[in-house]
C-alpha atoms as a PDB file:
ATOM      1  CA  UNK A   1      95.968  64.024  49.040  1.00  0.00           C
ATOM      2  CA  UNK A   2      92.382  62.862  48.483  1.00  0.00           C
ATOM      3  CA  UNK A   3      93.512  59.322  47.709  1.00  0.00           C
ATOM      4  CA  UNK A   4      95.743  59.273  50.792  1.00  0.00           C
ATOM      5  CA  UNK A   5      92.829  60.262  53.028  1.00  0.00           C
ATOM      6  CA  UNK A   6      90.271  58.024  51.340  1.00  0.00           C
ATOM      7  CA  UNK A   7      92.306  54.819  51.402  1.00  0.00           C
ATOM      8  CA  UNK A   8      92.168  54.200  55.196  1.00  0.00           C
ATOM      9  CA  UNK A   9      88.422  54.866  55.150  1.00  0.00           C
ATOM     10  CA  UNK A  10      87.941  52.421  52.305  1.00  0.00           C
ATOM     11  CA  UNK A  11      90.020  49.840  54.115  1.00  0.00           C
ATOM     12  CA  UNK A  12      87.943  50.294  57.256  1.00  0.00           C
ATOM     13  CA  UNK A  13      84.710  49.691  55.370  1.00  0.00           C
ATOM     14  CA  UNK A  14      86.305  46.676  53.713  1.00  0.00           C
ATOM     15  CA  UNK A  15      86.985  45.222  57.164  1.00  0.00           C
ATOM     16  CA  UNK A  16      83.313  45.646  58.059  1.00  0.00           C
ATOM     17  CA  UNK A  17      82.246  43.885  54.844  1.00  0.00           C
ATOM     18  CA  UNK A  18      84.604  41.018  55.602  1.00  0.00           C
ATOM     19  CA  UNK A  19      83.250  40.734  59.145  1.00  0.00           C
ATOM     20  CA  UNK A  20      79.690  40.736  57.790  1.00  0.00           C
ATOM     21  CA  UNK A  21      80.463  37.895  55.386  1.00  0.00           C
ATOM     22  CA  UNK A  22      82.013  35.783  58.129  1.00  0.00           C
ATOM     23  CA  UNK A  23      79.165  36.529  60.540  1.00  0.00           C
ATOM     24  CA  UNK A  24      76.446  35.633  58.046  1.00  0.00           C
ATOM     25  CA  UNK A  25      78.261  32.490  56.967  1.00  0.00           C
ATOM     26  CA  UNK A  26      78.781  31.228  60.502  1.00  0.00           C
ATOM     27  CA  UNK A  27      75.180  31.977  61.484  1.00  0.00           C
ATOM     28  CA  UNK A  28      73.666  30.277  58.456  1.00  0.00           C
ATOM     29  CA  UNK A  29      75.888  27.193  58.306  1.00  0.00           C
ATOM     30  CA  UNK A  30      76.273  26.426  62.007  1.00  0.00           C
ATOM     31  CA  UNK A  31      72.830  24.827  62.135  1.00  0.00           C
ATOM     32  CA  UNK A  32      72.910  22.721  58.943  1.00  0.00           C
ATOM     33  CA  UNK A  33      74.551  19.719  60.594  1.00  0.00           C
ATOM     34  CA  UNK A  34      77.262  17.576  59.023  1.00  0.00           C
ATOM     35  CA  UNK A  35      78.017  18.706  55.484  1.00  0.00           C
ATOM     36  CA  UNK A  36      80.165  17.733  52.513  1.00  0.00           C
ATOM     37  CA  UNK A  37      81.705  20.297  50.168  1.00  0.00           C
ATOM     38  CA  UNK A  38      81.647  19.272  46.504  1.00  0.00           C
ATOM     39  CA  UNK A  39      83.889  20.867  43.877  1.00  0.00           C
ATOM     40  CA  UNK A  40      84.217  20.502  40.117  1.00  0.00           C
ATOM     41  CA  UNK A  41      84.117  22.292  36.809  1.00  0.00           C
ATOM     42  CA  UNK A  42      81.443  24.892  36.081  1.00  0.00           C
ATOM     43  CA  UNK A  43      81.701  23.806  32.423  1.00  0.00           C
ATOM     44  CA  UNK A  44      80.379  20.275  32.829  1.00  0.00           C
ATOM     45  CA  UNK A  45      77.129  19.821  30.925  1.00  0.00           C
ATOM     46  CA  UNK A  46      73.946  17.951  31.924  1.00  0.00           C
ATOM     47  CA  UNK A  47      74.141  14.420  30.625  1.00  0.00           C
ATOM     48  CA  UNK A  48      77.921  14.216  30.781  1.00  0.00           C
ATOM     49  CA  UNK A  49      79.511  11.476  32.868  1.00  0.00           C
ATOM     50  CA  UNK A  50      80.739  13.534  35.792  1.00  0.00           C
ATOM     51  CA  UNK A  51      77.629  15.708  35.902  1.00  0.00           C
ATOM     52  CA  UNK A  52      75.579  12.544  36.387  1.00  0.00           C
ATOM     53  CA  UNK A  53      78.016  11.182  38.960  1.00  0.00           C
ATOM     54  CA  UNK A  54      77.944  14.433  40.953  1.00  0.00           C
ATOM     55  CA  UNK A  55      74.144  14.415  41.005  1.00  0.00           C
ATOM     56  CA  UNK A  56      74.038  10.786  42.113  1.00  0.00           C
ATOM     57  CA  UNK A  57      76.743  11.274  44.744  1.00  0.00           C
ATOM     58  CA  UNK A  58      74.991  14.285  46.275  1.00  0.00           C
ATOM     59  CA  UNK A  59      71.735  12.358  46.451  1.00  0.00           C
ATOM     60  CA  UNK A  60      73.443   9.501  48.281  1.00  0.00           C
ATOM     61  CA  UNK A  61      75.108  11.926  50.681  1.00  0.00           C
ATOM     62  CA  UNK A  62      71.742  13.429  51.612  1.00  0.00           C
ATOM     63  CA  UNK A  63      70.307   9.979  52.220  1.00  0.00           C
ATOM     64  CA  UNK A  64      73.284   9.279  54.488  1.00  0.00           C
ATOM     65  CA  UNK A  65      72.460  12.360  56.566  1.00  0.00           C
ATOM     66  CA  UNK A  66      74.674  15.072  55.087  1.00  0.00           C
ATOM     67  CA  UNK A  67      74.036  18.535  53.735  1.00  0.00           C
ATOM     68  CA  UNK A  68      75.729  19.378  50.439  1.00  0.00           C
ATOM     69  CA  UNK A  69      77.748  22.561  49.907  1.00  0.00           C
ATOM     70  CA  UNK A  70      78.889  23.804  46.483  1.00  0.00           C
ATOM     71  CA  UNK A  71      80.074  27.028  44.920  1.00  0.00           C
ATOM     72  CA  UNK A  72      76.543  27.629  43.679  1.00  0.00           C
ATOM     73  CA  UNK A  73      77.361  27.875  39.987  1.00  0.00           C
ATOM     74  CA  UNK A  74      76.795  25.717  36.937  1.00  0.00           C
ATOM     75  CA  UNK A  75      78.286  22.378  35.904  1.00  0.00           C
ATOM     76  CA  UNK A  76      79.324  20.028  38.701  1.00  0.00           C
ATOM     77  CA  UNK A  77      78.075  22.521  41.283  1.00  0.00           C
ATOM     78  CA  UNK A  78      74.632  22.569  39.713  1.00  0.00           C
ATOM     79  CA  UNK A  79      74.580  18.787  39.492  1.00  0.00           C
ATOM     80  CA  UNK A  80      75.451  18.387  43.176  1.00  0.00           C
ATOM     81  CA  UNK A  81      72.865  20.962  44.288  1.00  0.00           C
ATOM     82  CA  UNK A  82      70.307  19.256  42.057  1.00  0.00           C
ATOM     83  CA  UNK A  83      70.979  15.813  43.508  1.00  0.00           C
ATOM     84  CA  UNK A  84      70.802  17.129  47.068  1.00  0.00           C
ATOM     85  CA  UNK A  85      67.612  19.127  46.524  1.00  0.00           C
ATOM     86  CA  UNK A  86      65.783  16.314  44.736  1.00  0.00           C
ATOM     87  CA  UNK A  87      66.715  13.936  47.557  1.00  0.00           C
ATOM     88  CA  UNK A  88      65.035  16.318  50.003  1.00  0.00           C
ATOM     89  CA  UNK A  89      68.225  17.522  51.673  1.00  0.00           C
ATOM     90  CA  UNK A  90      69.909  20.796  52.409  1.00  0.00           C
ATOM     91  CA  UNK A  91      71.384  22.098  49.149  1.00  0.00           C
ATOM     92  CA  UNK A  92      73.733  24.981  49.889  1.00  0.00           C
ATOM     93  CA  UNK A  93      75.384  27.348  47.413  1.00  0.00           C
ATOM     94  CA  UNK A  94      78.257  29.641  48.383  1.00  0.00           C
ATOM     95  CA  UNK A  95      78.044  32.068  45.502  1.00  0.00           C
ATOM     96  CA  UNK A  96      80.831  34.475  44.582  1.00  0.00           C
ATOM     97  CA  UNK A  97      80.749  37.854  42.852  1.00  0.00           C
ATOM     98  CA  UNK A  98      82.923  37.680  39.730  1.00  0.00           C
ATOM     99  CA  UNK A  99      83.806  40.170  36.952  1.00  0.00           C
ATOM    100  CA  UNK A 100      82.047  37.743  34.624  1.00  0.00           C
ATOM    101  CA  UNK A 101      78.953  37.325  36.762  1.00  0.00           C
ATOM    102  CA  UNK A 102      78.312  33.832  38.077  1.00  0.00           C
ATOM    103  CA  UNK A 103      74.679  32.856  37.700  1.00  0.00           C
ATOM    104  CA  UNK A 104      73.503  30.910  40.780  1.00  0.00           C
ATOM    105  CA  UNK A 105      71.945  27.591  39.879  1.00  0.00           C
ATOM    106  CA  UNK A 106      68.276  27.099  40.705  1.00  0.00           C
ATOM    107  CA  UNK A 107      68.723  24.024  42.903  1.00  0.00           C
ATOM    108  CA  UNK A 108      69.959  25.814  46.024  1.00  0.00           C
ATOM    109  CA  UNK A 109      67.623  25.959  48.989  1.00  0.00           C
ATOM    110  CA  UNK A 110      70.148  27.946  51.012  1.00  0.00           C
ATOM    111  CA  UNK A 111      72.188  30.570  49.175  1.00  0.00           C
ATOM    112  CA  UNK A 112      74.969  32.744  50.538  1.00  0.00           C
ATOM    113  CA  UNK A 113      76.740  35.419  48.516  1.00  0.00           C
ATOM    114  CA  UNK A 114      80.366  36.432  48.954  1.00  0.00           C
ATOM    115  CA  UNK A 115      82.542  39.207  47.623  1.00  0.00           C
ATOM    116  CA  UNK A 116      85.769  37.823  49.064  1.00  0.00           C
ATOM    117  CA  UNK A 117      87.179  34.459  48.017  1.00  0.00           C
ATOM    118  CA  UNK A 118      88.934  33.866  51.342  1.00  0.00           C
ATOM    119  CA  UNK A 119      85.698  34.244  53.333  1.00  0.00           C
ATOM    120  CA  UNK A 120      84.033  31.771  51.021  1.00  0.00           C
ATOM    121  CA  UNK A 121      86.949  29.337  51.348  1.00  0.00           C
ATOM    122  CA  UNK A 122      86.601  29.317  55.132  1.00  0.00           C
ATOM    123  CA  UNK A 123      82.920  28.421  54.801  1.00  0.00           C
ATOM    124  CA  UNK A 124      83.749  25.470  52.552  1.00  0.00           C
ATOM    125  CA  UNK A 125      86.127  24.198  55.221  1.00  0.00           C
ATOM    126  CA  UNK A 126      84.538  25.206  58.501  1.00  0.00           C
ATOM    127  CA  UNK A 127      81.676  22.700  58.660  1.00  0.00           C
ATOM    128  CA  UNK A 128      82.908  20.056  56.219  1.00  0.00           C
ATOM    129  CA  UNK A 129      82.907  16.386  57.115  1.00  0.00           C
ATOM    130  CA  UNK A 130      84.541  15.808  53.756  1.00  0.00           C
ATOM    131  CA  UNK A 131      85.655  17.269  50.432  1.00  0.00           C
ATOM    132  CA  UNK A 132      84.624  15.598  47.201  1.00  0.00           C
ATOM    133  CA  UNK A 133      86.593  16.831  44.218  1.00  0.00           C
ATOM    134  CA  UNK A 134      85.226  16.077  40.768  1.00  0.00           C
ATOM    135  CA  UNK A 135      87.135  16.900  37.571  1.00  0.00           C
ATOM    136  CA  UNK A 136      87.664  20.613  37.164  1.00  0.00           C
ATOM    137  CA  UNK A 137      90.077  23.393  36.360  1.00  0.00           C
ATOM    138  CA  UNK A 138      92.143  25.899  38.314  1.00  0.00           C
ATOM    139  CA  UNK A 139      89.488  26.693  40.912  1.00  0.00           C
ATOM    140  CA  UNK A 140      88.866  23.025  41.632  1.00  0.00           C
ATOM    141  CA  UNK A 141      92.576  22.273  41.940  1.00  0.00           C
ATOM    142  CA  UNK A 142      92.994  25.312  44.182  1.00  0.00           C
ATOM    143  CA  UNK A 143      90.429  23.964  46.656  1.00  0.00           C
ATOM    144  CA  UNK A 144      91.953  20.490  46.469  1.00  0.00           C
ATOM    145  CA  UNK A 145      95.503  21.696  47.145  1.00  0.00           C
ATOM    146  CA  UNK A 146      94.441  24.092  49.886  1.00  0.00           C
ATOM    147  CA  UNK A 147      92.722  21.294  51.784  1.00  0.00           C
ATOM    148  CA  UNK A 148      95.867  19.164  51.520  1.00  0.00           C
ATOM    149  CA  UNK A 149      98.044  21.986  52.836  1.00  0.00           C
ATOM    150  CA  UNK A 150      95.788  22.552  55.850  1.00  0.00           C
ATOM    151  CA  UNK A 151      95.788  18.869  56.705  1.00  0.00           C
ATOM    152  CA  UNK A 152      99.532  18.455  56.051  1.00  0.00           C
ATOM    153  CA  UNK A 153     100.874  21.502  57.876  1.00  0.00           C
ATOM    154  CA  UNK A 154      98.714  23.363  60.357  1.00  0.00           C
ATOM    155  CA  UNK A 155      96.655  20.264  61.088  1.00  0.00           C
ATOM    156  CA  UNK A 156      93.669  22.538  61.538  1.00  0.00           C
ATOM    157  CA  UNK A 157      91.538  20.747  58.954  1.00  0.00           C
ATOM    158  CA  UNK A 158      90.374  17.211  59.579  1.00  0.00           C
ATOM    159  CA  UNK A 159      88.171  15.488  57.045  1.00  0.00           C
ATOM    160  CA  UNK A 160      88.521  13.034  54.148  1.00  0.00           C
ATOM    161  CA  UNK A 161      89.451  14.415  50.734  1.00  0.00           C
ATOM    162  CA  UNK A 162      88.042  12.262  47.930  1.00  0.00           C
ATOM    163  CA  UNK A 163      88.948  12.664  44.271  1.00  0.00           C
ATOM    164  CA  UNK A 164      86.294  11.335  41.909  1.00  0.00           C
ATOM    165  CA  UNK A 165      87.547   9.937  38.598  1.00  0.00           C
ATOM    166  CA  UNK A 166      90.819   8.000  38.406  1.00  0.00           C
ATOM    167  CA  UNK A 167      91.084   8.508  34.649  1.00  0.00           C
ATOM    168  CA  UNK A 168      90.969  12.291  35.128  1.00  0.00           C
ATOM    169  CA  UNK A 169      93.199  12.604  38.203  1.00  0.00           C
ATOM    170  CA  UNK A 170      95.575   9.737  37.368  1.00  0.00           C
ATOM    171  CA  UNK A 171      98.097  11.906  35.532  1.00  0.00           C
ATOM    172  CA  UNK A 172      98.302  14.418  38.379  1.00  0.00           C
ATOM    173  CA  UNK A 173      98.748  11.680  40.989  1.00  0.00           C
ATOM    174  CA  UNK A 174     101.431   9.998  38.874  1.00  0.00           C
ATOM    175  CA  UNK A 175     103.308  13.312  38.577  1.00  0.00           C
ATOM    176  CA  UNK A 176     103.072  13.872  42.324  1.00  0.00           C
ATOM    177  CA  UNK A 177     104.542  10.426  42.964  1.00  0.00           C
ATOM    178  CA  UNK A 178     107.324  10.463  40.373  1.00  0.00           C
ATOM    179  CA  UNK A 179     108.380  14.124  40.368  1.00  0.00           C
ATOM    180  CA  UNK A 180     107.300  15.754  43.611  1.00  0.00           C
ATOM    181  CA  UNK A 181     107.948  12.750  45.884  1.00  0.00           C
ATOM    182  CA  UNK A 182     110.615  10.509  44.359  1.00  0.00           C
ATOM    183  CA  UNK A 183     112.690  12.798  42.161  1.00  0.00           C
ATOM    184  CA  UNK A 184     112.589  16.024  44.171  1.00  0.00           C
ATOM    185  CA  UNK A 185     111.552  14.813  47.628  1.00  0.00           C
ATOM    186  CA  UNK A 186     109.333  17.872  48.124  1.00  0.00           C
ATOM    187  CA  UNK A 187     106.679  15.852  49.965  1.00  0.00           C
ATOM    188  CA  UNK A 188     106.750  12.776  52.172  1.00  0.00           C
ATOM    189  CA  UNK A 189     105.149   9.414  51.372  1.00  0.00           C
ATOM    190  CA  UNK A 190     102.472   9.950  54.033  1.00  0.00           C
ATOM    191  CA  UNK A 191     101.454  13.221  52.333  1.00  0.00           C
ATOM    192  CA  UNK A 192      99.989  11.142  49.514  1.00  0.00           C
ATOM    193  CA  UNK A 193      97.714   9.410  52.014  1.00  0.00           C
ATOM    194  CA  UNK A 194      95.663  12.488  52.879  1.00  0.00           C
ATOM    195  CA  UNK A 195      93.382  11.919  49.893  1.00  0.00           C
ATOM    196  CA  UNK A 196      91.714   8.979  48.170  1.00  0.00           C
ATOM    197  CA  UNK A 197      90.851   8.416  44.503  1.00  0.00           C
ATOM    198  CA  UNK A 198      87.630   6.558  43.712  1.00  0.00           C
ATOM    199  CA  UNK A 199      85.320   6.080  40.731  1.00  0.00           C
ATOM    200  CA  UNK A 200      81.954   5.152  42.205  1.00  0.00           C
ATOM    201  CA  UNK A 201      79.557   7.268  44.293  1.00  0.00           C
ATOM    202  CA  UNK A 202      79.091   4.410  46.754  1.00  0.00           C
ATOM    203  CA  UNK A 203      82.841   4.312  47.460  1.00  0.00           C
ATOM    204  CA  UNK A 204      83.015   8.059  47.963  1.00  0.00           C
ATOM    205  CA  UNK A 205      80.030   8.219  50.299  1.00  0.00           C
ATOM    206  CA  UNK A 206      81.272   5.258  52.343  1.00  0.00           C
ATOM    207  CA  UNK A 207      84.545   7.076  53.055  1.00  0.00           C
ATOM    208  CA  UNK A 208      82.635  10.098  54.372  1.00  0.00           C
ATOM    209  CA  UNK A 209      80.203   7.998  56.434  1.00  0.00           C
ATOM    210  CA  UNK A 210      82.998   5.913  57.962  1.00  0.00           C
ATOM    211  CA  UNK A 211      84.862   9.087  58.930  1.00  0.00           C
ATOM    212  CA  UNK A 212      81.758  10.574  60.551  1.00  0.00           C
ATOM    213  CA  UNK A 213      81.022   7.393  62.489  1.00  0.00           C
ATOM    214  CA  UNK A 214      84.632   7.083  63.627  1.00  0.00           C
ATOM    215  CA  UNK A 215      85.515  10.721  64.295  1.00  0.00           C
ATOM    216  CA  UNK A 216      82.173  12.253  65.216  1.00  0.00           C
ATOM    217  CA  UNK A 217      82.929  15.619  63.642  1.00  0.00           C
ATOM    218  CA  UNK A 218      84.979  17.317  60.978  1.00  0.00           C
ATOM    219  CA  UNK A 219      85.731  20.746  59.634  1.00  0.00           C
ATOM    220  CA  UNK A 220      88.134  23.555  60.313  1.00  0.00           C
ATOM    221  CA  UNK A 221      89.264  24.877  63.682  1.00  0.00           C
ATOM    222  CA  UNK A 222      90.344  28.458  63.134  1.00  0.00           C
ATOM    223  CA  UNK A 223      93.836  28.825  64.631  1.00  0.00           C
ATOM    224  CA  UNK A 224      94.512  31.391  67.337  1.00  0.00           C
ATOM    225  CA  UNK A 225      97.914  31.954  65.712  1.00  0.00           C
ATOM    226  CA  UNK A 226      99.996  30.608  62.871  1.00  0.00           C
ATOM    227  CA  UNK A 227     102.238  28.576  65.188  1.00  0.00           C
ATOM    228  CA  UNK A 228     101.104  24.974  65.435  1.00  0.00           C
ATOM    229  CA  UNK A 229     100.469  23.695  68.946  1.00  0.00           C
ATOM    230  CA  UNK A 230     102.266  20.357  69.179  1.00  0.00           C
ATOM    231  CA  UNK A 231     100.126  19.349  72.137  1.00  0.00           C
ATOM    232  CA  UNK A 232      96.880  19.955  70.293  1.00  0.00           C
ATOM    233  CA  UNK A 233      94.400  17.108  69.998  1.00  0.00           C
ATOM    234  CA  UNK A 234      93.963  18.132  66.369  1.00  0.00           C
ATOM    235  CA  UNK A 235      97.242  16.426  65.603  1.00  0.00           C
ATOM    236  CA  UNK A 236      95.854  13.043  66.531  1.00  0.00           C
ATOM    237  CA  UNK A 237      92.440  13.690  65.021  1.00  0.00           C
ATOM    238  CA  UNK A 238      94.006  14.550  61.691  1.00  0.00           C
ATOM    239  CA  UNK A 239      95.595  11.100  61.467  1.00  0.00           C
ATOM    240  CA  UNK A 240      92.481   9.294  60.427  1.00  0.00           C
ATOM    241  CA  UNK A 241      93.964   7.747  57.310  1.00  0.00           C
END
């Protein structure tokens, strides 16, 4: 009986916590200007190839007029925050509470803290003029695939998705082409055009800059309902590739 009574109360307070996370995120990020979300493994070490590339890429993004958003942790996230901060730009960390506590890296000059993954995911998308995906594990691939789904289906997300490192992502792309597309026909040929694979920071940044100059804005428009509006202008804006 106690559990039955307590559960609705707990759920109500959970709703308030969720609302608070969204409210804080929208208030803090709405004024940062165009931003790029960078993803990659928390296990990358300083001095390693992709750590260096993430730091260099973030620095170039700042110089091109973008804020940099990461998950706030170690590895690639730390490298990107470091590059952005040292270049004098806005270095944002969207930190998450985990059972094994994530330690926020010291290079953030704007830190937000989330309990709920889905609130944090919205913040990565909402103000993004681009996603840059460095080598990483399940979490990195989750963000990569979620961005593709939003662009492919609801057409609510409109920004470039750039994979950094052809030698790392090549096997996945080959599998998508041979198995998912050709053998099983689970995606269409144009679905493979919603992302780009590059190896150099200059290439990656140019894609983001060209999109900004051509489109003027990016990010996520939160849908009023799950049904896609065929007359929406988002449909044409999403076709930037």
